[in-house]
Amino acid sequence: MKRFQILFVLLLLSAVTFSQNTLKAFLESQPEVKSVEKMDCNDFFAIKYKIMVEQPVDHTDPKKGTFLQRVLIADKGVDQPVVFITEGYNGGYSENPNYINELCPILGANQICMDHRYFGESMPEPLNYDYLTVRNAAADHHHVIQMMKKYYSGKWIATGISKGGQTTVYHRWLYPNDVDVSVPYVAPLNFGVEDGRHEPFIANTTGTPEGRAKVKAFQLQILKNRETYLPMLEKYCTDNKLHPLLNNDEMLDYIVLEFSYGFWQYDNSLDDIPELNAPAEKLFAELVRVSSPMYLASEGVNIFKSFYVQAAHELGYYGYDVTPFKDYLSIKTAEGWLNRIYLPELDIKYNKKTAKEVEKFIKKTDARILFIYGEWDPWSASSFEVPNKPNFLKIVKPKGSHSSRIGNLPANQKKQVKETLENWLDIKVNIEI
């Protein structure tokens, strides 16, 4: 008996080693894969590789050159499902050995995560933003999925968070047969650079009336006493080696206007907002904790410029309602703020057709898509409106924020997700209820 057990363990280890070597050999055999590097990973996965995939800068015209796109592949098994993360930004976090997308243990799945084009290690040279489009990004994902489908035989699930969630849906629109199920988290569908639905949502819907009043009172307190806070803001920027894009007065205005969006977007507590008669230093600390001045400095633009280009061109964004604060602002209007502040050197026109085409797709498609939102997240103001059809499930977590995930849903909603995924994928779904 003992001899049989030893033999069984040796056979198992041999099978695992063979599987790992097979994946490496497969990746090295693909002509578009230009490098394969083994990465550290946790015990959930057998092995992880970082590969650099050659992609056309413009998928409609290969003559315009190529760039290398970073892709992380964490292996669970050749016949297991694949969770494909349509990251909207820099996918470098998936190099962390401990990173596991929450759908992987739920589905017992392999994990593939890649930089969005023009982010992280996936920057074309020269940096021509004409090719940073929804269609090119979706074609990047399609290319990698089709390549890896030659290796993995299980079900495919695409997922992403926020801008990554937008990317998940836009990819499904353009390549509806690439995956079996899409799971976008907190994904907006905006119809303009300043969509117009977020401002009234913040003013009238998110949180409680008392909570909204407290946030607004805090914003007004800062603006009414701006002469106290302007020197603090200037010192903050100096101490943190920031290079502001605006003068000090304008910067304070926008930080205050952003505060309500930032506050309700994530799981901030009303108890953290100081009393209005608290020391000014305490109020200022709360202001910059929630609404960081970095995003109005060149340091922030260096990180997020590709996002701002996409927002201005196709993805849309939100605006600011200056009406409640106009008597205390140095600016007359915030209209056109994103292009004016972040992209003054670029003449970018918003393409309204993209979002409209995706809206039409959602109304007609039979693609299986699970949407997850937070009730109090300002991005929910522009959430996808989905038909009452069996191929859709839209979950809105009560009082939830932009951090709403399957793992923090209430039990009844977890049950809905579990039953839906099991029905759609015909596999066991591990969600504790």
Protein backbone atom coordinates (compact mmCIF):
# COMPACT_ATOMS: atom_id res chain seq x y z
CA MET A 1 0.00 0.00 0.00
CA LYS A 2 2.77 2.44 0.95
CA ARG A 3 4.59 1.65 -2.32
CA PHE A 4 1.40 2.37 -4.28
CA GLN A 5 0.98 5.74 -2.51
CA ILE A 6 4.58 6.74 -3.34
CA LEU A 7 4.06 5.72 -6.96
CA PHE A 8 0.84 7.74 -7.13
CA VAL A 9 2.55 10.88 -5.78
CA LEU A 10 5.42 10.48 -8.26
CA LEU A 11 2.96 10.12 -11.13
CA LEU A 12 1.08 13.21 -9.96
CA LEU A 13 4.27 15.26 -9.73
CA SER A 14 5.30 14.02 -13.13
CA ALA A 15 1.94 15.09 -14.62
CA VAL A 16 2.23 18.56 -13.09
CA THR A 17 5.79 18.97 -14.41
CA PHE A 18 4.71 17.79 -17.84
CA SER A 19 1.79 20.26 -17.87
CA GLN A 20 4.07 23.14 -16.88
CA ASN A 21 6.64 22.25 -19.51
CA THR A 22 3.86 21.91 -22.09
CA LEU A 23 2.58 25.44 -21.41
CA LYS A 24 6.10 26.87 -21.64
CA ALA A 25 6.73 25.00 -24.87
CA PHE A 26 3.40 26.17 -26.28
CA LEU A 27 4.13 29.82 -25.48
CA GLU A 28 7.62 29.61 -26.95
CA SER A 29 6.18 28.10 -30.13
CA GLN A 30 3.85 31.03 -30.83
CA PRO A 31 5.39 33.44 -33.36
CA GLU A 32 3.79 36.51 -31.75
CA VAL A 33 5.27 35.70 -28.32
CA LYS A 34 8.64 37.44 -28.19
CA SER A 35 9.69 36.46 -24.64
CA VAL A 36 8.65 34.02 -21.94
CA GLU A 37 9.64 34.59 -18.32
CA LYS A 38 8.73 32.39 -15.38
CA MET A 39 7.23 34.34 -12.45
CA ASP A 40 6.66 33.50 -8.80
CA CYS A 41 3.10 32.50 -7.96
CA ASN A 42 1.08 31.24 -5.01
CA ASP A 43 -0.11 27.70 -4.35
CA PHE A 44 -3.45 28.20 -6.10
CA PHE A 45 -1.73 28.19 -9.48
CA ALA A 46 0.76 25.61 -10.72
CA ILE A 47 2.98 28.10 -12.54
CA LYS A 48 2.94 31.62 -13.93
CA TYR A 49 4.58 33.17 -16.97
CA LYS A 50 5.03 36.71 -18.16
CA ILE A 51 5.06 36.96 -21.93
CA MET A 52 5.45 39.87 -24.31
CA VAL A 53 3.11 39.60 -27.28
CA GLU A 54 3.69 41.44 -30.53
CA GLN A 55 0.58 43.41 -31.51
CA PRO A 56 -0.14 45.67 -34.48
CA VAL A 57 -0.29 49.33 -33.51
CA ASP A 58 -3.27 49.53 -35.86
CA HIS A 59 -5.09 46.23 -36.36
CA THR A 60 -6.59 47.52 -39.62
CA ASP A 61 -3.18 48.28 -41.13
CA PRO A 62 -0.22 46.10 -40.06
CA LYS A 63 2.13 48.34 -42.05
CA LYS A 64 1.91 50.95 -39.31
CA GLY A 65 4.16 48.92 -37.07
CA THR A 66 3.93 46.83 -33.92
CA PHE A 67 4.47 47.07 -30.17
CA LEU A 68 4.94 44.56 -27.35
CA GLN A 69 2.10 43.99 -24.89
CA ARG A 70 2.64 42.48 -21.43
CA VAL A 71 0.52 39.41 -20.62
CA LEU A 72 0.58 37.40 -17.35
CA ILE A 73 -0.63 33.79 -17.51
CA ALA A 74 -1.21 31.91 -14.26
CA ASP A 75 -1.90 28.24 -14.91
CA LYS A 76 -4.44 26.07 -13.09
CA GLY A 77 -4.89 23.34 -15.69
CA VAL A 78 -5.31 22.95 -19.43
CA ASP A 79 -8.96 21.87 -19.17
CA GLN A 80 -9.97 24.34 -16.44
CA PRO A 81 -11.92 27.56 -17.13
CA VAL A 82 -9.99 30.70 -18.01
CA VAL A 83 -10.61 34.07 -16.35
CA PHE A 84 -9.43 36.69 -18.82
CA ILE A 85 -8.95 40.13 -17.22
CA THR A 86 -9.60 42.97 -19.66
CA GLU A 87 -7.59 45.43 -17.61
CA GLY A 88 -8.31 49.06 -18.47
CA TYR A 89 -4.99 50.38 -17.17
CA ASN A 90 -1.65 48.95 -16.09
CA GLY A 91 -1.85 45.20 -15.44
CA GLY A 92 1.44 45.08 -13.55
CA TYR A 93 -0.25 44.23 -10.25
CA SER A 94 -0.81 40.72 -11.58
CA GLU A 95 2.96 40.15 -11.40
CA ASN A 96 2.49 40.00 -7.62
CA PRO A 97 2.75 36.30 -6.63
CA ASN A 98 -0.23 36.69 -4.30
CA TYR A 99 -2.62 38.24 -6.81
CA ILE A 100 -5.70 36.15 -7.64
CA ASN A 101 -8.77 37.57 -9.35
CA GLU A 102 -11.78 36.71 -7.20
CA LEU A 103 -13.38 34.71 -10.03
CA CYS A 104 -10.45 32.26 -10.16
CA PRO A 105 -11.14 30.45 -6.85
CA ILE A 106 -14.88 30.77 -7.51
CA LEU A 107 -14.50 28.91 -10.81
CA GLY A 108 -11.25 26.97 -10.24
CA ALA A 109 -9.86 28.89 -13.17
CA ASN A 110 -6.66 29.83 -14.93
CA GLN A 111 -5.89 33.56 -14.95
CA ILE A 112 -4.76 35.76 -17.83
CA CYS A 113 -4.16 39.46 -17.23
CA MET A 114 -2.63 41.94 -19.65
CA ASP A 115 -1.82 45.61 -19.81
CA HIS A 116 -4.27 47.72 -21.75
CA ARG A 117 -2.48 49.17 -24.76
CA TYR A 118 -0.70 52.46 -23.96
CA PHE A 119 -0.35 51.54 -20.27
CA GLY A 120 2.33 49.94 -18.12
CA GLU A 121 4.93 48.08 -20.17
CA SER A 122 2.76 48.15 -23.29
CA MET A 123 3.58 51.54 -24.79
CA PRO A 124 3.96 51.87 -28.56
CA GLU A 125 6.81 54.02 -29.88
CA PRO A 126 6.24 56.63 -31.13
CA LEU A 127 3.25 57.33 -28.87
CA ASN A 128 0.61 58.17 -31.49
CA TYR A 129 -2.75 58.40 -29.70
CA ASP A 130 -4.64 58.02 -32.99
CA TYR A 131 -4.42 54.26 -32.47
CA LEU A 132 -5.61 54.23 -28.86
CA THR A 133 -9.15 53.19 -29.74
CA VAL A 134 -11.78 50.84 -28.37
CA ARG A 135 -11.57 48.74 -31.52
CA ASN A 136 -7.78 48.34 -31.39
CA ALA A 137 -7.86 47.47 -27.68
CA ALA A 138 -10.57 44.84 -28.27
CA ALA A 139 -8.52 43.44 -31.15
CA ASP A 140 -5.52 43.13 -28.78
CA HIS A 141 -7.63 41.04 -26.42
CA HIS A 142 -9.11 38.99 -29.26
CA HIS A 143 -5.61 38.21 -30.53
CA VAL A 144 -4.42 36.88 -27.14
CA ILE A 145 -7.65 34.94 -26.52
CA GLN A 146 -7.48 33.22 -29.90
CA MET A 147 -3.85 32.33 -29.29
CA MET A 148 -4.50 30.88 -25.83
CA LYS A 149 -7.61 28.99 -26.97
CA LYS A 150 -5.21 26.75 -28.86
CA TYR A 151 -3.95 25.64 -25.44
CA TYR A 152 -6.81 25.96 -22.93
CA SER A 153 -9.93 23.91 -23.60
CA GLY A 154 -12.22 25.09 -20.76
CA LYS A 155 -14.88 27.81 -20.60
CA TRP A 156 -13.79 31.44 -20.97
CA ILE A 157 -14.91 34.26 -18.68
CA ALA A 158 -13.89 37.87 -19.37
CA THR A 159 -13.91 40.33 -16.51
CA GLY A 160 -12.74 43.81 -15.59
CA ILE A 161 -13.29 46.56 -13.05
CA SER A 162 -14.39 50.14 -13.77
CA LYS A 163 -12.64 51.14 -17.02
CA GLY A 164 -11.66 47.49 -17.25
CA GLY A 165 -15.37 46.65 -16.96
CA GLN A 166 -16.09 49.00 -19.86
CA THR A 167 -13.35 47.21 -21.76
CA THR A 168 -15.00 43.84 -20.98
CA VAL A 169 -18.31 44.93 -22.50
CA TYR A 170 -16.75 46.71 -25.47
CA HIS A 171 -14.70 43.59 -26.23
CA ARG A 172 -17.89 41.47 -26.08
CA TRP A 173 -19.59 43.89 -28.48
CA LEU A 174 -16.84 43.55 -31.07
CA TYR A 175 -16.01 39.86 -30.51
CA PRO A 176 -19.18 38.29 -29.08
CA ASN A 177 -17.96 34.71 -29.51
CA ASP A 178 -14.55 35.06 -27.83
CA VAL A 179 -15.83 34.16 -24.35
CA ASP A 180 -18.72 32.30 -22.78
CA VAL A 181 -19.55 34.81 -20.05
CA SER A 182 -18.58 38.41 -19.32
CA VAL A 183 -18.48 39.80 -15.76
CA PRO A 184 -17.93 43.58 -15.79
CA TYR A 185 -17.72 45.23 -12.37
CA VAL A 186 -18.90 48.85 -11.80
CA ALA A 187 -18.68 49.59 -15.53
CA PRO A 188 -20.13 52.86 -16.83
CA LEU A 189 -21.58 53.54 -20.27
CA ASN A 190 -21.04 57.27 -20.73
CA PHE A 191 -22.51 59.30 -23.56
CA GLY A 192 -20.25 62.35 -23.37
CA VAL A 193 -16.99 63.68 -22.03
CA GLU A 194 -19.26 65.18 -19.36
CA ASP A 195 -22.09 62.69 -19.37
CA GLY A 196 -24.40 64.81 -17.21
CA ARG A 197 -25.98 62.10 -15.04
CA HIS A 198 -23.33 61.95 -12.32
CA GLU A 199 -23.83 65.47 -10.92
CA PRO A 200 -27.55 65.09 -10.07
CA PHE A 201 -26.86 61.58 -8.77
CA ILE A 202 -24.35 62.98 -6.26
CA ALA A 203 -26.65 65.87 -5.36
CA ASN A 204 -29.85 63.86 -4.90
CA THR A 205 -29.37 60.09 -4.87
CA THR A 206 -26.17 58.70 -3.39
CA GLY A 207 -25.93 58.14 0.35
CA THR A 208 -28.56 59.64 2.64
CA PRO A 209 -29.90 63.21 2.69
CA GLU A 210 -28.01 63.81 5.93
CA GLY A 211 -24.81 62.37 4.47
CA ARG A 212 -25.04 64.45 1.30
CA ALA A 213 -25.65 67.56 3.40
CA LYS A 214 -22.57 66.85 5.51
CA VAL A 215 -20.34 66.41 2.46
CA LYS A 216 -21.63 69.62 0.87
CA ALA A 217 -21.19 71.57 4.11
CA PHE A 218 -17.58 70.36 4.30
CA GLN A 219 -16.91 71.51 0.73
CA LEU A 220 -18.43 74.93 1.43
CA GLN A 221 -16.44 75.32 4.63
CA ILE A 222 -13.19 74.91 2.68
CA LEU A 223 -14.22 77.35 -0.04
CA LYS A 224 -15.58 79.99 2.34
CA ASN A 225 -12.23 79.97 4.10
CA ARG A 226 -10.05 79.55 1.05
CA GLU A 227 -7.46 82.07 2.23
CA THR A 228 -6.71 79.69 5.09
CA TYR A 229 -6.36 76.66 2.83
CA LEU A 230 -4.49 78.12 -0.14
CA PRO A 231 -1.13 78.26 1.70
CA MET A 232 -1.69 74.70 2.95
CA LEU A 233 -2.30 73.51 -0.61
CA GLU A 234 0.80 75.25 -1.89
CA LYS A 235 2.91 73.72 0.88
CA TYR A 236 1.40 70.28 0.24
CA CYS A 237 2.41 70.43 -3.42
CA THR A 238 5.91 71.62 -2.55
CA ASP A 239 6.40 68.98 0.14
CA ASN A 240 5.19 66.23 -2.21
CA LYS A 241 7.21 67.53 -5.17
CA LEU A 242 4.10 68.01 -7.30
CA HIS A 243 4.00 70.25 -10.35
CA PRO A 244 0.44 71.62 -10.53
CA LEU A 245 -1.30 72.12 -13.84
CA LEU A 246 -3.32 75.03 -12.47
CA ASN A 247 -2.75 78.08 -10.34
CA ASN A 248 -3.32 77.62 -6.62
CA ASP A 249 -6.84 79.13 -6.61
CA GLU A 250 -8.07 76.99 -9.49
CA MET A 251 -6.48 73.89 -8.03
CA LEU A 252 -8.30 74.36 -4.74
CA ASP A 253 -11.60 74.79 -6.63
CA TYR A 254 -11.23 71.52 -8.50
CA ILE A 255 -10.04 69.56 -5.47
CA VAL A 256 -13.14 70.69 -3.59
CA LEU A 257 -15.45 69.94 -6.53
CA GLU A 258 -13.92 66.46 -6.84
CA PHE A 259 -14.31 65.75 -3.12
CA SER A 260 -17.95 64.63 -3.28
CA TYR A 261 -17.31 62.28 -6.20
CA GLY A 262 -14.26 60.78 -4.53
CA PHE A 263 -16.01 60.48 -1.20
CA TRP A 264 -19.01 58.54 -2.46
CA GLN A 265 -17.06 56.49 -4.97
CA TYR A 266 -15.31 54.45 -2.31
CA ASP A 267 -16.11 53.23 1.20
CA ASN A 268 -15.47 56.45 3.06
CA SER A 269 -17.13 57.05 6.39
CA LEU A 270 -19.07 60.20 7.22
CA ASP A 271 -17.49 59.95 10.66
CA ASP A 272 -14.13 60.77 9.05
CA ILE A 273 -15.32 64.21 7.99
CA PRO A 274 -14.24 66.55 10.78
CA GLU A 275 -16.61 68.93 12.48
CA LEU A 276 -16.61 72.28 10.73
CA ASN A 277 -15.12 74.00 13.79
CA ALA A 278 -12.22 71.54 13.94
CA PRO A 279 -8.69 72.87 13.30
CA ALA A 280 -8.14 73.80 9.66
CA GLU A 281 -5.25 71.35 9.42
CA LYS A 282 -7.63 68.51 10.22
CA LEU A 283 -10.13 69.57 7.54
CA PHE A 284 -7.38 69.97 4.98
CA ALA A 285 -6.00 66.50 5.74
CA GLU A 286 -9.42 65.00 5.03
CA LEU A 287 -9.76 67.03 1.84
CA VAL A 288 -6.50 65.80 0.30
CA ARG A 289 -7.00 62.25 1.60
CA VAL A 290 -10.15 61.89 -0.47
CA SER A 291 -9.34 64.28 -3.32
CA SER A 292 -5.63 64.04 -4.01
CA PRO A 293 -3.92 67.10 -5.59
CA MET A 294 -1.71 64.66 -7.50
CA TYR A 295 -4.45 64.25 -10.10
CA LEU A 296 -4.16 67.95 -10.94
CA ALA A 297 -0.39 67.82 -11.28
CA SER A 298 1.85 66.64 -14.10
CA GLU A 299 2.73 63.59 -11.99
CA GLY A 300 -0.88 62.41 -12.24
CA VAL A 301 -1.09 63.09 -15.95
CA ASN A 302 2.06 61.06 -16.55
CA ILE A 303 0.29 58.03 -15.05
CA PHE A 304 -3.20 58.50 -16.50
CA LYS A 305 -2.81 60.47 -19.73
CA SER A 306 -3.76 57.49 -21.89
CA PHE A 307 -6.97 57.19 -19.88
CA TYR A 308 -7.80 60.87 -20.32
CA VAL A 309 -7.27 60.49 -24.07
CA GLN A 310 -9.70 57.58 -24.16
CA ALA A 311 -12.23 59.41 -21.98
CA ALA A 312 -12.11 62.46 -24.25
CA HIS A 313 -12.34 60.38 -27.42
CA GLU A 314 -14.72 57.45 -26.76
CA LEU A 315 -15.23 56.40 -23.14
CA GLY A 316 -16.66 59.63 -21.70
CA TYR A 317 -16.40 60.91 -18.14
CA TYR A 318 -18.21 63.09 -15.63
CA GLY A 319 -18.59 66.79 -15.01
CA TYR A 320 -18.89 69.09 -12.00
CA ASP A 321 -21.91 71.08 -10.88
CA VAL A 322 -20.55 74.47 -9.78
CA THR A 323 -23.98 75.95 -8.97
CA PRO A 324 -24.00 75.21 -5.21
CA PHE A 325 -20.50 76.69 -4.84
CA LYS A 326 -20.39 79.47 -7.44
CA ASP A 327 -20.25 82.32 -4.91
CA TYR A 328 -17.02 80.93 -3.47
CA LEU A 329 -15.16 79.63 -6.54
CA SER A 330 -12.44 81.41 -8.46
CA ILE A 331 -13.51 79.68 -11.69
CA LYS A 332 -16.70 80.69 -13.52
CA THR A 333 -17.37 77.28 -15.01
CA ALA A 334 -15.95 73.77 -14.98
CA GLU A 335 -17.30 72.92 -18.43
CA GLY A 336 -14.72 71.28 -20.65
CA TRP A 337 -12.41 70.75 -17.69
CA LEU A 338 -10.92 67.38 -18.73
CA ASN A 339 -9.66 68.49 -22.15
CA ARG A 340 -8.64 71.92 -20.89
CA ILE A 341 -6.61 70.68 -17.91
CA TYR A 342 -5.26 67.33 -19.03
CA LEU A 343 -5.06 67.50 -22.83
CA PRO A 344 -4.53 71.15 -23.80
CA GLU A 345 -2.09 70.24 -26.56
CA LEU A 346 -4.40 67.65 -28.19
CA ASP A 347 -7.44 68.46 -30.29
CA ILE A 348 -9.62 65.45 -29.43
CA LYS A 349 -13.25 65.25 -30.53
CA TYR A 350 -15.64 62.94 -28.72
CA ASN A 351 -16.95 60.07 -30.85
CA LYS A 352 -20.51 59.53 -29.61
CA LYS A 353 -21.08 56.62 -32.02
CA THR A 354 -19.08 54.14 -29.94
CA ALA A 355 -21.26 54.24 -26.82
CA LYS A 356 -24.44 54.35 -28.92
CA GLU A 357 -23.38 51.23 -30.82
CA VAL A 358 -22.64 49.42 -27.55
CA GLU A 359 -26.05 50.48 -26.22
CA LYS A 360 -27.69 48.94 -29.30
CA PHE A 361 -25.64 45.77 -28.84
CA ILE A 362 -26.83 45.36 -25.25
CA LYS A 363 -30.47 45.71 -26.34
CA LYS A 364 -30.17 42.97 -28.95
CA THR A 365 -27.47 40.52 -27.88
CA ASP A 366 -27.90 37.07 -26.41
CA ALA A 367 -24.38 37.22 -24.94
CA ARG A 368 -24.32 36.25 -21.28
CA ILE A 369 -23.23 39.21 -19.16
CA LEU A 370 -23.26 39.62 -15.39
CA PHE A 371 -23.09 43.28 -14.30
CA ILE A 372 -22.16 44.21 -10.72
CA TYR A 373 -22.63 47.74 -9.29
CA GLY A 374 -22.72 49.60 -6.00
CA GLU A 375 -25.88 51.55 -5.17
CA TRP A 376 -24.02 54.60 -3.86
CA ASP A 377 -21.19 54.58 -6.39
CA PRO A 378 -21.46 57.74 -8.55
CA TRP A 379 -20.47 55.63 -11.55
CA SER A 380 -23.78 53.81 -11.14
CA ALA A 381 -25.44 56.95 -12.49
CA SER A 382 -24.22 55.86 -15.93
CA SER A 383 -24.52 52.12 -15.42
CA PHE A 384 -25.57 49.88 -18.29
CA GLU A 385 -29.31 49.57 -18.72
CA VAL A 386 -30.02 45.94 -19.54
CA PRO A 387 -33.16 44.26 -20.88
CA ASN A 388 -35.07 41.77 -18.77
CA LYS A 389 -33.66 38.74 -20.56
CA PRO A 390 -32.20 35.45 -19.25
CA ASN A 391 -28.76 36.24 -20.67
CA PHE A 392 -28.34 39.22 -18.33
CA LEU A 393 -28.03 39.63 -14.60
CA LYS A 394 -27.52 43.07 -13.09
CA ILE A 395 -26.64 43.09 -9.39
CA VAL A 396 -26.68 46.37 -7.46
CA LYS A 397 -25.19 46.01 -3.99
CA PRO A 398 -27.25 47.98 -1.42
CA LYS A 399 -25.23 51.00 -0.22
CA GLY A 400 -22.34 49.62 -2.25
CA SER A 401 -19.45 51.64 -3.64
CA HIS A 402 -16.99 51.29 -6.51
CA SER A 403 -15.47 48.47 -4.45
CA SER A 404 -18.53 46.23 -4.89
CA ARG A 405 -17.45 42.66 -5.65
CA ILE A 406 -19.03 39.20 -5.52
CA GLY A 407 -17.22 38.48 -2.26
CA ASN A 408 -18.80 41.42 -0.41
CA LEU A 409 -22.35 41.05 -1.74
CA PRO A 410 -25.14 40.14 0.71
CA ALA A 411 -26.09 36.45 0.84
CA ASN A 412 -29.20 36.71 -1.35
CA GLN A 413 -27.23 38.38 -4.16
CA LYS A 414 -24.37 35.89 -3.85
CA LYS A 415 -26.97 33.16 -4.30
CA GLN A 416 -28.21 34.85 -7.50
CA VAL A 417 -24.67 35.08 -8.84
CA LYS A 418 -23.88 31.46 -7.96
CA GLU A 419 -27.04 30.09 -9.57
CA THR A 420 -26.61 32.23 -12.67
CA LEU A 421 -22.97 31.31 -13.26
CA GLU A 422 -23.69 27.62 -12.71
CA ASN A 423 -26.55 27.80 -15.20
CA TRP A 424 -24.53 29.72 -17.79
CA LEU A 425 -21.27 27.79 -17.48
CA ASP A 426 -22.52 24.35 -16.41
CA ILE A 427 -19.73 24.03 -13.85
CA LYS A 428 -19.50 24.02 -10.07
CA VAL A 429 -19.29 27.56 -8.64
CA ASN A 430 -17.63 28.00 -5.26
CA ILE A 431 -19.32 30.97 -3.58
CA GLU A 432 -19.81 30.83 0.17
CA ILE A 433 -23.29 32.07 1.07
